[in-house]
Amino acid sequence: MEEDLYCKVYVDGNYECSDLMTLIAEAINGNILLRVVENKLFNVTVFKNEDYDKDRIAEVGGFVFFPYYLEIEPNDETSVISAEYKSLVGDLLETLWKAGADAVVACDFEDELPKKVA
């Protein structure tokens, strides 16, 4: 069975969408095309979360109400090296955290990614 490398990341921070995309592009050495940032391994599509609710963010599981979410998918699954892909997703998470954003990942391999240290 093939490994599912799809990943969703919920993001909360004081960002305009274009600023968030620039941060992502710098973190993954990618190019911005409309609302997608792509590099040699994957595409990151940035969405404004229709379920955004600043009052519900503090709830348990409130990350689903963050203002943005990212969908990360391999460019070409047949040529993606799983370890390299996961490492770059981890780098992206750490970059978001260092920039002051809250970022919560949801994927099949989330236990293999870095954890935010408070």
PDB file of N, CA and C in Angstrom:
ATOM      1  N   MET A   1       0.840  -1.187   0.000  1.00  0.00           N
ATOM      2  CA  MET A   1       0.000   0.000   0.000  1.00  0.00           C
ATOM      3  C   MET A   1       0.882   1.247   0.000  1.00  0.00           C
ATOM      4  N   GLU A   2       0.574   2.181  -0.874  1.00  0.00           N
ATOM      5  CA  GLU A   2       1.361   3.407  -0.965  1.00  0.00           C
ATOM      6  C   GLU A   2       1.079   4.328   0.212  1.00  0.00           C
ATOM      7  N   GLU A   3       2.111   5.038   0.614  1.00  0.00           N
ATOM      8  CA  GLU A   3       1.995   5.980   1.716  1.00  0.00           C
ATOM      9  C   GLU A   3       1.241   7.230   1.251  1.00  0.00           C
ATOM     10  N   ASP A   4       0.319   7.701   2.073  1.00  0.00           N
ATOM     11  CA  ASP A   4      -0.435   8.910   1.768  1.00  0.00           C
ATOM     12  C   ASP A   4       0.358  10.109   2.267  1.00  0.00           C
ATOM     13  N   LEU A   5       0.837  10.951   1.363  1.00  0.00           N
ATOM     14  CA  LEU A   5       1.656  12.102   1.726  1.00  0.00           C
ATOM     15  C   LEU A   5       0.863  13.418   1.764  1.00  0.00           C
ATOM     16  N   TYR A   6      -0.436  13.340   1.550  1.00  0.00           N
ATOM     17  CA  TYR A   6      -1.265  14.540   1.660  1.00  0.00           C
ATOM     18  C   TYR A   6      -1.169  15.062   3.091  1.00  0.00           C
ATOM     19  N   CYS A   7      -1.118  16.382   3.218  1.00  0.00           N
ATOM     20  CA  CYS A   7      -0.983  16.992   4.533  1.00  0.00           C
ATOM     21  C   CYS A   7      -1.784  18.290   4.571  1.00  0.00           C
ATOM     22  N   LYS A   8      -2.468  18.523   5.689  1.00  0.00           N
ATOM     23  CA  LYS A   8      -3.214  19.761   5.885  1.00  0.00           C
ATOM     24  C   LYS A   8      -2.619  20.459   7.099  1.00  0.00           C
ATOM     25  N   VAL A   9      -2.378  21.753   6.970  1.00  0.00           N
ATOM     26  CA  VAL A   9      -1.806  22.532   8.066  1.00  0.00           C
ATOM     27  C   VAL A   9      -2.707  23.736   8.310  1.00  0.00           C
ATOM     28  N   TYR A  10      -3.218  23.841   9.532  1.00  0.00           N
ATOM     29  CA  TYR A  10      -4.024  24.992   9.925  1.00  0.00           C
ATOM     30  C   TYR A  10      -3.082  26.055  10.468  1.00  0.00           C
ATOM     31  N   VAL A  11      -3.287  27.318  10.034  1.00  0.00           N
ATOM     32  CA  VAL A  11      -2.359  28.396  10.388  1.00  0.00           C
ATOM     33  C   VAL A  11      -3.117  29.583  10.960  1.00  0.00           C
ATOM     34  N   ASP A  12      -2.608  30.071  12.097  1.00  0.00           N
ATOM     35  CA  ASP A  12      -3.134  31.273  12.732  1.00  0.00           C
ATOM     36  C   ASP A  12      -1.966  32.222  12.947  1.00  0.00           C
ATOM     37  N   GLY A  13      -2.122  33.424  12.496  1.00  0.00           N
ATOM     38  CA  GLY A  13      -1.080  34.431  12.676  1.00  0.00           C
ATOM     39  C   GLY A  13      -1.573  35.746  12.133  1.00  0.00           C
ATOM     40  N   ASN A  14      -0.843  36.767  12.416  1.00  0.00           N
ATOM     41  CA  ASN A  14      -1.217  38.102  11.971  1.00  0.00           C
ATOM     42  C   ASN A  14      -0.665  38.329  10.562  1.00  0.00           C
ATOM     43  N   TYR A  15      -1.262  37.654   9.582  1.00  0.00           N
ATOM     44  CA  TYR A  15      -0.778  37.688   8.208  1.00  0.00           C
ATOM     45  C   TYR A  15      -1.892  38.024   7.233  1.00  0.00           C
ATOM     46  N   GLU A  16      -1.526  38.747   6.219  1.00  0.00           N
ATOM     47  CA  GLU A  16      -2.342  38.803   5.012  1.00  0.00           C
ATOM     48  C   GLU A  16      -1.988  37.546   4.222  1.00  0.00           C
ATOM     49  N   CYS A  17      -2.865  37.108   3.379  1.00  0.00           N
ATOM     50  CA  CYS A  17      -2.628  35.893   2.597  1.00  0.00           C
ATOM     51  C   CYS A  17      -1.324  35.994   1.794  1.00  0.00           C
ATOM     52  N   SER A  18      -1.075  37.139   1.190  1.00  0.00           N
ATOM     53  CA  SER A  18       0.140  37.301   0.377  1.00  0.00           C
ATOM     54  C   SER A  18       1.402  37.203   1.237  1.00  0.00           C
ATOM     55  N   ASP A  19       1.353  37.706   2.473  1.00  0.00           N
ATOM     56  CA  ASP A  19       2.506  37.600   3.371  1.00  0.00           C
ATOM     57  C   ASP A  19       2.753  36.147   3.761  1.00  0.00           C
ATOM     58  N   LEU A  20       1.687  35.414   4.020  1.00  0.00           N
ATOM     59  CA  LEU A  20       1.812  34.004   4.362  1.00  0.00           C
ATOM     60  C   LEU A  20       2.407  33.232   3.191  1.00  0.00           C
ATOM     61  N   MET A  21       1.957  33.527   1.988  1.00  0.00           N
ATOM     62  CA  MET A  21       2.490  32.836   0.807  1.00  0.00           C
ATOM     63  C   MET A  21       3.972  33.141   0.614  1.00  0.00           C
ATOM     64  N   THR A  22       4.377  34.376   0.857  1.00  0.00           N
ATOM     65  CA  THR A  22       5.787  34.743   0.747  1.00  0.00           C
ATOM     66  C   THR A  22       6.618  33.985   1.771  1.00  0.00           C
ATOM     67  N   LEU A  23       6.130  33.892   2.989  1.00  0.00           N
ATOM     68  CA  LEU A  23       6.829  33.142   4.040  1.00  0.00           C
ATOM     69  C   LEU A  23       6.978  31.674   3.645  1.00  0.00           C
ATOM     70  N   ILE A  24       5.927  31.080   3.122  1.00  0.00           N
ATOM     71  CA  ILE A  24       5.971  29.685   2.682  1.00  0.00           C
ATOM     72  C   ILE A  24       6.983  29.517   1.547  1.00  0.00           C
ATOM     73  N   ALA A  25       6.934  30.418   0.576  1.00  0.00           N
ATOM     74  CA  ALA A  25       7.854  30.336  -0.567  1.00  0.00           C
ATOM     75  C   ALA A  25       9.307  30.393  -0.111  1.00  0.00           C
ATOM     76  N   GLU A  26       9.597  31.267   0.845  1.00  0.00           N
ATOM     77  CA  GLU A  26      10.961  31.362   1.361  1.00  0.00           C
ATOM     78  C   GLU A  26      11.349  30.098   2.121  1.00  0.00           C
ATOM     79  N   ALA A  27      10.413  29.539   2.886  1.00  0.00           N
ATOM     80  CA  ALA A  27      10.698  28.359   3.699  1.00  0.00           C
ATOM     81  C   ALA A  27      10.985  27.122   2.858  1.00  0.00           C
ATOM     82  N   ILE A  28      10.301  26.978   1.731  1.00  0.00           N
ATOM     83  CA  ILE A  28      10.450  25.751   0.930  1.00  0.00           C
ATOM     84  C   ILE A  28      11.196  25.994  -0.381  1.00  0.00           C
ATOM     85  N   ASN A  29      11.740  27.203  -0.538  1.00  0.00           N
ATOM     86  CA  ASN A  29      12.438  27.567  -1.770  1.00  0.00           C
ATOM     87  C   ASN A  29      11.515  27.319  -2.970  1.00  0.00           C
ATOM     88  N   GLY A  30      10.328  27.918  -2.869  1.00  0.00           N
ATOM     89  CA  GLY A  30       9.309  27.684  -3.887  1.00  0.00           C
ATOM     90  C   GLY A  30       8.934  28.926  -4.660  1.00  0.00           C
ATOM     91  N   ASN A  31       8.096  28.720  -5.651  1.00  0.00           N
ATOM     92  CA  ASN A  31       7.581  29.789  -6.500  1.00  0.00           C
ATOM     93  C   ASN A  31       6.091  29.956  -6.256  1.00  0.00           C
ATOM     94  N   ILE A  32       5.639  31.204  -6.252  1.00  0.00           N
ATOM     95  CA  ILE A  32       4.227  31.507  -6.037  1.00  0.00           C
ATOM     96  C   ILE A  32       3.522  31.610  -7.385  1.00  0.00           C
ATOM     97  N   LEU A  33       2.441  30.837  -7.519  1.00  0.00           N
ATOM     98  CA  LEU A  33       1.594  30.885  -8.707  1.00  0.00           C
ATOM     99  C   LEU A  33       0.152  31.004  -8.224  1.00  0.00           C
ATOM    100  N   LEU A  34      -0.411  32.201  -8.301  1.00  0.00           N
ATOM    101  CA  LEU A  34      -1.745  32.492  -7.775  1.00  0.00           C
ATOM    102  C   LEU A  34      -1.794  32.182  -6.283  1.00  0.00           C
ATOM    103  N   ARG A  35      -2.548  31.170  -5.855  1.00  0.00           N
ATOM    104  CA  ARG A  35      -2.609  30.840  -4.432  1.00  0.00           C
ATOM    105  C   ARG A  35      -1.880  29.542  -4.102  1.00  0.00           C
ATOM    106  N   VAL A  36      -0.958  29.157  -4.972  1.00  0.00           N
ATOM    107  CA  VAL A  36      -0.169  27.940  -4.791  1.00  0.00           C
ATOM    108  C   VAL A  36       1.306  28.295  -4.730  1.00  0.00           C
ATOM    109  N   VAL A  37       1.998  27.659  -3.787  1.00  0.00           N
ATOM    110  CA  VAL A  37       3.459  27.758  -3.732  1.00  0.00           C
ATOM    111  C   VAL A  37       3.972  26.369  -4.083  1.00  0.00           C
ATOM    112  N   GLU A  38       4.846  26.313  -5.074  1.00  0.00           N
ATOM    113  CA  GLU A  38       5.341  24.997  -5.496  1.00  0.00           C
ATOM    114  C   GLU A  38       6.860  24.965  -5.482  1.00  0.00           C
ATOM    115  N   ASN A  39       7.378  23.782  -5.204  1.00  0.00           N
ATOM    116  CA  ASN A  39       8.808  23.537  -5.337  1.00  0.00           C
ATOM    117  C   ASN A  39       8.978  22.178  -6.009  1.00  0.00           C
ATOM    118  N   LYS A  40      10.185  21.617  -5.947  1.00  0.00           N
ATOM    119  CA  LYS A  40      10.435  20.374  -6.682  1.00  0.00           C
ATOM    120  C   LYS A  40       9.701  19.169  -6.109  1.00  0.00           C
ATOM    121  N   LEU A  41       9.289  19.233  -4.829  1.00  0.00           N
ATOM    122  CA  LEU A  41       8.645  18.081  -4.201  1.00  0.00           C
ATOM    123  C   LEU A  41       7.137  18.179  -4.076  1.00  0.00           C
ATOM    124  N   PHE A  42       6.649  19.384  -3.733  1.00  0.00           N
ATOM    125  CA  PHE A  42       5.219  19.475  -3.471  1.00  0.00           C
ATOM    126  C   PHE A  42       4.639  20.843  -3.773  1.00  0.00           C
ATOM    127  N   ASN A  43       3.308  20.871  -3.776  1.00  0.00           N
ATOM    128  CA  ASN A  43       2.546  22.111  -3.922  1.00  0.00           C
ATOM    129  C   ASN A  43       1.882  22.412  -2.591  1.00  0.00           C
ATOM    130  N   VAL A  44       1.906  23.685  -2.209  1.00  0.00           N
ATOM    131  CA  VAL A  44       1.205  24.145  -1.019  1.00  0.00           C
ATOM    132  C   VAL A  44       0.135  25.118  -1.496  1.00  0.00           C
ATOM    133  N   THR A  45      -1.120  24.727  -1.335  1.00  0.00           N
ATOM    134  CA  THR A  45      -2.225  25.601  -1.710  1.00  0.00           C
ATOM    135  C   THR A  45      -2.720  26.283  -0.438  1.00  0.00           C
ATOM    136  N   VAL A  46      -2.842  27.614  -0.489  1.00  0.00           N
ATOM    137  CA  VAL A  46      -3.254  28.403   0.670  1.00  0.00           C
ATOM    138  C   VAL A  46      -4.730  28.754   0.526  1.00  0.00           C
ATOM    139  N   PHE A  47      -5.492  28.441   1.570  1.00  0.00           N
ATOM    140  CA  PHE A  47      -6.922  28.726   1.590  1.00  0.00           C
ATOM    141  C   PHE A  47      -7.264  29.620   2.774  1.00  0.00           C
ATOM    142  N   LYS A  48      -8.176  30.557   2.566  1.00  0.00           N
ATOM    143  CA  LYS A  48      -8.802  31.243   3.687  1.00  0.00           C
ATOM    144  C   LYS A  48      -9.868  30.289   4.212  1.00  0.00           C
ATOM    145  N   ASN A  49      -9.847  30.056   5.497  1.00  0.00           N
ATOM    146  CA  ASN A  49     -10.736  29.076   6.107  1.00  0.00           C
ATOM    147  C   ASN A  49     -12.136  29.661   6.256  1.00  0.00           C
ATOM    148  N   GLU A  50     -13.104  29.073   5.585  1.00  0.00           N
ATOM    149  CA  GLU A  50     -14.497  29.538   5.684  1.00  0.00           C
ATOM    150  C   GLU A  50     -15.062  29.335   7.084  1.00  0.00           C
ATOM    151  N   ASP A  51     -14.455  28.439   7.859  1.00  0.00           N
ATOM    152  CA  ASP A  51     -14.910  28.169   9.225  1.00  0.00           C
ATOM    153  C   ASP A  51     -14.186  29.022  10.265  1.00  0.00           C
ATOM    154  N   TYR A  52     -13.379  29.993   9.806  1.00  0.00           N
ATOM    155  CA  TYR A  52     -12.631  30.844  10.735  1.00  0.00           C
ATOM    156  C   TYR A  52     -13.571  31.482  11.760  1.00  0.00           C
ATOM    157  N   ASP A  53     -13.172  31.335  13.027  1.00  0.00           N
ATOM    158  CA  ASP A  53     -13.954  31.918  14.114  1.00  0.00           C
ATOM    159  C   ASP A  53     -12.991  32.210  15.260  1.00  0.00           C
ATOM    160  N   LYS A  54     -12.574  33.468  15.377  1.00  0.00           N
ATOM    161  CA  LYS A  54     -11.554  33.822  16.370  1.00  0.00           C
ATOM    162  C   LYS A  54     -11.992  33.505  17.788  1.00  0.00           C
ATOM    163  N   ASP A  55     -13.294  33.494  18.053  1.00  0.00           N
ATOM    164  CA  ASP A  55     -13.786  33.198  19.395  1.00  0.00           C
ATOM    165  C   ASP A  55     -13.719  31.705  19.738  1.00  0.00           C
ATOM    166  N   ARG A  56     -13.629  30.861  18.740  1.00  0.00           N
ATOM    167  CA  ARG A  56     -13.622  29.407  18.987  1.00  0.00           C
ATOM    168  C   ARG A  56     -12.219  28.809  18.952  1.00  0.00           C
ATOM    169  N   ILE A  57     -11.221  29.607  18.605  1.00  0.00           N
ATOM    170  CA  ILE A  57      -9.850  29.097  18.504  1.00  0.00           C
ATOM    171  C   ILE A  57      -9.353  28.542  19.840  1.00  0.00           C
ATOM    172  N   ALA A  58      -9.760  29.139  20.951  1.00  0.00           N
ATOM    173  CA  ALA A  58      -9.299  28.706  22.279  1.00  0.00           C
ATOM    174  C   ALA A  58      -9.917  27.381  22.730  1.00  0.00           C
ATOM    175  N   GLU A  59     -10.937  26.900  22.041  1.00  0.00           N
ATOM    176  CA  GLU A  59     -11.568  25.626  22.397  1.00  0.00           C
ATOM    177  C   GLU A  59     -10.620  24.464  22.125  1.00  0.00           C
ATOM    178  N   VAL A  60     -10.880  23.333  22.771  1.00  0.00           N
ATOM    179  CA  VAL A  60     -10.141  22.112  22.444  1.00  0.00           C
ATOM    180  C   VAL A  60     -10.407  21.803  20.978  1.00  0.00           C
ATOM    181  N   GLY A  61      -9.347  21.578  20.216  1.00  0.00           N
ATOM    182  CA  GLY A  61      -9.496  21.335  18.785  1.00  0.00           C
ATOM    183  C   GLY A  61      -9.815  22.596  18.001  1.00  0.00           C
ATOM    184  N   GLY A  62      -9.628  23.745  18.630  1.00  0.00           N
ATOM    185  CA  GLY A  62      -9.976  25.017  18.004  1.00  0.00           C
ATOM    186  C   GLY A  62      -9.147  25.389  16.794  1.00  0.00           C
ATOM    187  N   PHE A  63      -8.072  24.643  16.545  1.00  0.00           N
ATOM    188  CA  PHE A  63      -7.239  24.942  15.375  1.00  0.00           C
ATOM    189  C   PHE A  63      -8.035  24.853  14.077  1.00  0.00           C
ATOM    190  N   VAL A  64      -9.116  24.076  14.055  1.00  0.00           N
ATOM    191  CA  VAL A  64      -9.921  23.986  12.830  1.00  0.00           C
ATOM    192  C   VAL A  64     -10.618  25.306  12.519  1.00  0.00           C
ATOM    193  N   PHE A  65     -10.569  26.247  13.446  1.00  0.00           N
ATOM    194  CA  PHE A  65     -11.163  27.570  13.238  1.00  0.00           C
ATOM    195  C   PHE A  65     -10.104  28.637  12.945  1.00  0.00           C
ATOM    196  N   PHE A  66      -8.829  28.231  12.752  1.00  0.00           N
ATOM    197  CA  PHE A  66      -7.771  29.171  12.384  1.00  0.00           C
ATOM    198  C   PHE A  66      -8.142  29.843  11.057  1.00  0.00           C
ATOM    199  N   PRO A  67      -7.607  31.037  10.794  1.00  0.00           N
ATOM    200  CA  PRO A  67      -8.009  31.774   9.592  1.00  0.00           C
ATOM    201  C   PRO A  67      -7.538  31.183   8.255  1.00  0.00           C
ATOM    202  N   TYR A  68      -6.493  30.374   8.284  1.00  0.00           N
ATOM    203  CA  TYR A  68      -5.969  29.796   7.037  1.00  0.00           C
ATOM    204  C   TYR A  68      -5.742  28.305   7.218  1.00  0.00           C
ATOM    205  N   TYR A  69      -5.765  27.607   6.092  1.00  0.00           N
ATOM    206  CA  TYR A  69      -5.240  26.249   6.086  1.00  0.00           C
ATOM    207  C   TYR A  69      -4.485  26.028   4.786  1.00  0.00           C
ATOM    208  N   LEU A  70      -3.518  25.143   4.866  1.00  0.00           N
ATOM    209  CA  LEU A  70      -2.672  24.797   3.726  1.00  0.00           C
ATOM    210  C   LEU A  70      -2.938  23.345   3.361  1.00  0.00           C
ATOM    211  N   GLU A  71      -3.005  23.074   2.083  1.00  0.00           N
ATOM    212  CA  GLU A  71      -3.053  21.693   1.607  1.00  0.00           C
ATOM    213  C   GLU A  71      -1.741  21.424   0.894  1.00  0.00           C
ATOM    214  N   ILE A  72      -1.036  20.415   1.368  1.00  0.00           N
ATOM    215  CA  ILE A  72       0.273  20.074   0.817  1.00  0.00           C
ATOM    216  C   ILE A  72       0.155  18.717   0.141  1.00  0.00           C
ATOM    217  N   GLU A  73       0.540  18.676  -1.136  1.00  0.00           N
ATOM    218  CA  GLU A  73       0.459  17.438  -1.908  1.00  0.00           C
ATOM    219  C   GLU A  73       1.708  17.292  -2.772  1.00  0.00           C
ATOM    220  N   PRO A  74       2.158  16.061  -2.965  1.00  0.00           N
ATOM    221  CA  PRO A  74       3.332  15.829  -3.814  1.00  0.00           C
ATOM    222  C   PRO A  74       3.082  16.299  -5.244  1.00  0.00           C
ATOM    223  N   ASN A  75       4.135  16.786  -5.892  1.00  0.00           N
ATOM    224  CA  ASN A  75       4.046  17.156  -7.306  1.00  0.00           C
ATOM    225  C   ASN A  75       3.862  15.928  -8.175  1.00  0.00           C
ATOM    226  N   ASP A  76       4.699  14.933  -7.952  1.00  0.00           N
ATOM    227  CA  ASP A  76       4.670  13.704  -8.739  1.00  0.00           C
ATOM    228  C   ASP A  76       4.981  12.568  -7.791  1.00  0.00           C
ATOM    229  N   GLU A  77       3.955  11.887  -7.304  1.00  0.00           N
ATOM    230  CA  GLU A  77       4.128  10.895  -6.253  1.00  0.00           C
ATOM    231  C   GLU A  77       5.110   9.780  -6.603  1.00  0.00           C
ATOM    232  N   THR A  78       5.293   9.508  -7.879  1.00  0.00           N
ATOM    233  CA  THR A  78       6.191   8.415  -8.245  1.00  0.00           C
ATOM    234  C   THR A  78       7.654   8.763  -8.023  1.00  0.00           C
ATOM    235  N   SER A  79       7.986  10.063  -7.968  1.00  0.00           N
ATOM    236  CA  SER A  79       9.385  10.430  -7.818  1.00  0.00           C
ATOM    237  C   SER A  79       9.705  11.080  -6.478  1.00  0.00           C
ATOM    238  N   VAL A  80       8.720  11.195  -5.593  1.00  0.00           N
ATOM    239  CA  VAL A  80       8.933  11.841  -4.307  1.00  0.00           C
ATOM    240  C   VAL A  80       9.574  10.859  -3.332  1.00  0.00           C
ATOM    241  N   ILE A  81      10.639  11.310  -2.683  1.00  0.00           N
ATOM    242  CA  ILE A  81      11.284  10.521  -1.642  1.00  0.00           C
ATOM    243  C   ILE A  81      10.626  10.906  -0.325  1.00  0.00           C
ATOM    244  N   SER A  82       9.991   9.941   0.299  1.00  0.00           N
ATOM    245  CA  SER A  82       9.181  10.181   1.488  1.00  0.00           C
ATOM    246  C   SER A  82       9.949  10.940   2.575  1.00  0.00           C
ATOM    247  N   ALA A  83      11.161  10.525   2.884  1.00  0.00           N
ATOM    248  CA  ALA A  83      11.931  11.155   3.958  1.00  0.00           C
ATOM    249  C   ALA A  83      12.240  12.615   3.636  1.00  0.00           C
ATOM    250  N   GLU A  84      12.595  12.900   2.393  1.00  0.00           N
ATOM    251  CA  GLU A  84      12.901  14.272   1.985  1.00  0.00           C
ATOM    252  C   GLU A  84      11.634  15.137   2.043  1.00  0.00           C
ATOM    253  N   TYR A  85      10.534  14.586   1.596  1.00  0.00           N
ATOM    254  CA  TYR A  85       9.241  15.274   1.614  1.00  0.00           C
ATOM    255  C   TYR A  85       8.851  15.643   3.049  1.00  0.00           C
ATOM    256  N   LYS A  86       8.913  14.663   3.944  1.00  0.00           N
ATOM    257  CA  LYS A  86       8.542  14.883   5.343  1.00  0.00           C
ATOM    258  C   LYS A  86       9.481  15.886   6.011  1.00  0.00           C
ATOM    259  N   SER A  87      10.743  15.823   5.677  1.00  0.00           N
ATOM    260  CA  SER A  87      11.704  16.769   6.241  1.00  0.00           C
ATOM    261  C   SER A  87      11.370  18.199   5.836  1.00  0.00           C
ATOM    262  N   LEU A  88      10.990  18.391   4.585  1.00  0.00           N
ATOM    263  CA  LEU A  88      10.652  19.729   4.106  1.00  0.00           C
ATOM    264  C   LEU A  88       9.341  20.226   4.709  1.00  0.00           C
ATOM    265  N   VAL A  89       8.373  19.339   4.912  1.00  0.00           N
ATOM    266  CA  VAL A  89       7.144  19.727   5.609  1.00  0.00           C
ATOM    267  C   VAL A  89       7.499  20.159   7.037  1.00  0.00           C
ATOM    268  N   GLY A  90       8.388  19.415   7.689  1.00  0.00           N
ATOM    269  CA  GLY A  90       8.848  19.782   9.033  1.00  0.00           C
ATOM    270  C   GLY A  90       9.542  21.133   9.048  1.00  0.00           C
ATOM    271  N   ASP A  91      10.362  21.406   8.046  1.00  0.00           N
ATOM    272  CA  ASP A  91      11.029  22.712   7.935  1.00  0.00           C
ATOM    273  C   ASP A  91      10.008  23.834   7.799  1.00  0.00           C
ATOM    274  N   LEU A  92       8.968  23.584   7.016  1.00  0.00           N
ATOM    275  CA  LEU A  92       7.919  24.585   6.839  1.00  0.00           C
ATOM    276  C   LEU A  92       7.226  24.869   8.172  1.00  0.00           C
ATOM    277  N   LEU A  93       6.892  23.825   8.915  1.00  0.00           N
ATOM    278  CA  LEU A  93       6.257  24.013  10.227  1.00  0.00           C
ATOM    279  C   LEU A  93       7.148  24.853  11.145  1.00  0.00           C
ATOM    280  N   GLU A  94       8.421  24.507  11.203  1.00  0.00           N
ATOM    281  CA  GLU A  94       9.340  25.232  12.080  1.00  0.00           C
ATOM    282  C   GLU A  94       9.490  26.692  11.654  1.00  0.00           C
ATOM    283  N   THR A  95       9.482  26.950  10.362  1.00  0.00           N
ATOM    284  CA  THR A  95       9.551  28.325   9.873  1.00  0.00           C
ATOM    285  C   THR A  95       8.315  29.110  10.294  1.00  0.00           C
ATOM    286  N   LEU A  96       7.155  28.504  10.168  1.00  0.00           N
ATOM    287  CA  LEU A  96       5.914  29.168  10.587  1.00  0.00           C
ATOM    288  C   LEU A  96       5.963  29.485  12.079  1.00  0.00           C
ATOM    289  N   TRP A  97       6.392  28.521  12.890  1.00  0.00           N
ATOM    290  CA  TRP A  97       6.459  28.739  14.335  1.00  0.00           C
ATOM    291  C   TRP A  97       7.446  29.846  14.684  1.00  0.00           C
ATOM    292  N   LYS A  98       8.610  29.827  14.038  1.00  0.00           N
ATOM    293  CA  LYS A  98       9.624  30.863  14.312  1.00  0.00           C
ATOM    294  C   LYS A  98       9.136  32.245  13.914  1.00  0.00           C
ATOM    295  N   ALA A  99       8.247  32.302  12.929  1.00  0.00           N
ATOM    296  CA  ALA A  99       7.695  33.586  12.477  1.00  0.00           C
ATOM    297  C   ALA A  99       6.537  34.042  13.366  1.00  0.00           C
ATOM    298  N   GLY A 100       6.228  33.260  14.398  1.00  0.00           N
ATOM    299  CA  GLY A 100       5.190  33.643  15.336  1.00  0.00           C
ATOM    300  C   GLY A 100       3.807  33.107  15.035  1.00  0.00           C
ATOM    301  N   ALA A 101       3.689  32.274  14.031  1.00  0.00           N
ATOM    302  CA  ALA A 101       2.382  31.699  13.690  1.00  0.00           C
ATOM    303  C   ALA A 101       2.119  30.454  14.528  1.00  0.00           C
ATOM    304  N   ASP A 102       0.859  30.188  14.768  1.00  0.00           N
ATOM    305  CA  ASP A 102       0.462  28.888  15.287  1.00  0.00           C
ATOM    306  C   ASP A 102       0.174  28.039  14.056  1.00  0.00           C
ATOM    307  N   ALA A 103       0.696  26.844  14.043  1.00  0.00           N
ATOM    308  CA  ALA A 103       0.464  25.939  12.918  1.00  0.00           C
ATOM    309  C   ALA A 103       0.257  24.540  13.475  1.00  0.00           C
ATOM    310  N   VAL A 104      -0.831  23.914  13.064  1.00  0.00           N
ATOM    311  CA  VAL A 104      -1.173  22.569  13.511  1.00  0.00           C
ATOM    312  C   VAL A 104      -1.346  21.695  12.279  1.00  0.00           C
ATOM    313  N   VAL A 105      -0.641  20.579  12.269  1.00  0.00           N
ATOM    314  CA  VAL A 105      -0.646  19.698  11.119  1.00  0.00           C
ATOM    315  C   VAL A 105      -1.626  18.547  11.316  1.00  0.00           C
ATOM    316  N   ALA A 106      -2.239  18.118  10.228  1.00  0.00           N
ATOM    317  CA  ALA A 106      -3.125  16.956  10.228  1.00  0.00           C
ATOM    318  C   ALA A 106      -2.775  16.099   9.018  1.00  0.00           C
ATOM    319  N   CYS A 107      -2.158  14.946   9.286  1.00  0.00           N
ATOM    320  CA  CYS A 107      -1.801  14.034   8.197  1.00  0.00           C
ATOM    321  C   CYS A 107      -1.472  12.673   8.790  1.00  0.00           C
ATOM    322  N   ASP A 108      -1.307  11.686   7.924  1.00  0.00           N
ATOM    323  CA  ASP A 108      -1.009  10.333   8.376  1.00  0.00           C
ATOM    324  C   ASP A 108       0.369  10.208   9.017  1.00  0.00           C
ATOM    325  N   PHE A 109       1.269  11.133   8.739  1.00  0.00           N
ATOM    326  CA  PHE A 109       2.634  11.032   9.248  1.00  0.00           C
ATOM    327  C   PHE A 109       2.969  12.138  10.251  1.00  0.00           C
ATOM    328  N   GLU A 110       1.946  12.731  10.874  1.00  0.00           N
ATOM    329  CA  GLU A 110       2.174  13.862  11.780  1.00  0.00           C
ATOM    330  C   GLU A 110       3.074  13.482  12.958  1.00  0.00           C
ATOM    331  N   ASP A 111       3.079  12.205  13.373  1.00  0.00           N
ATOM    332  CA  ASP A 111       3.946  11.789  14.484  1.00  0.00           C
ATOM    333  C   ASP A 111       5.421  11.769  14.086  1.00  0.00           C
ATOM    334  N   GLU A 112       5.719  11.895  12.796  1.00  0.00           N
ATOM    335  CA  GLU A 112       7.096  11.924  12.323  1.00  0.00           C
ATOM    336  C   GLU A 112       7.617  13.354  12.128  1.00  0.00           C
ATOM    337  N   LEU A 113       6.760  14.337  12.388  1.00  0.00           N
ATOM    338  CA  LEU A 113       7.107  15.744  12.178  1.00  0.00           C
ATOM    339  C   LEU A 113       7.495  16.394  13.500  1.00  0.00           C
ATOM    340  N   PRO A 114       8.209  17.520  13.438  1.00  0.00           N
ATOM    341  CA  PRO A 114       8.584  18.217  14.667  1.00  0.00           C
ATOM    342  C   PRO A 114       7.352  18.683  15.427  1.00  0.00           C
ATOM    343  N   LYS A 115       7.513  18.809  16.719  1.00  0.00           N
ATOM    344  CA  LYS A 115       6.451  19.325  17.585  1.00  0.00           C
ATOM    345  C   LYS A 115       6.831  20.727  18.024  1.00  0.00           C
ATOM    346  N   LYS A 116       5.837  21.587  18.145  1.00  0.00           N
ATOM    347  CA  LYS A 116       6.078  22.956  18.589  1.00  0.00           C
ATOM    348  C   LYS A 116       6.452  22.933  20.069  1.00  0.00           C
ATOM    349  N   VAL A 117       7.553  23.579  20.372  1.00  0.00           N
ATOM    350  CA  VAL A 117       7.999  23.689  21.760  1.00  0.00           C
ATOM    351  C   VAL A 117       7.616  25.070  22.255  1.00  0.00           C
ATOM    352  N   ALA A 118       6.857  25.125  23.337  1.00  0.00           N
ATOM    353  CA  ALA A 118       6.374  26.411  23.874  1.00  0.00           C
ATOM    354  C   ALA A 118       7.480  27.209  24.513  1.00  0.00           C
TER     355      ALA A 118
END
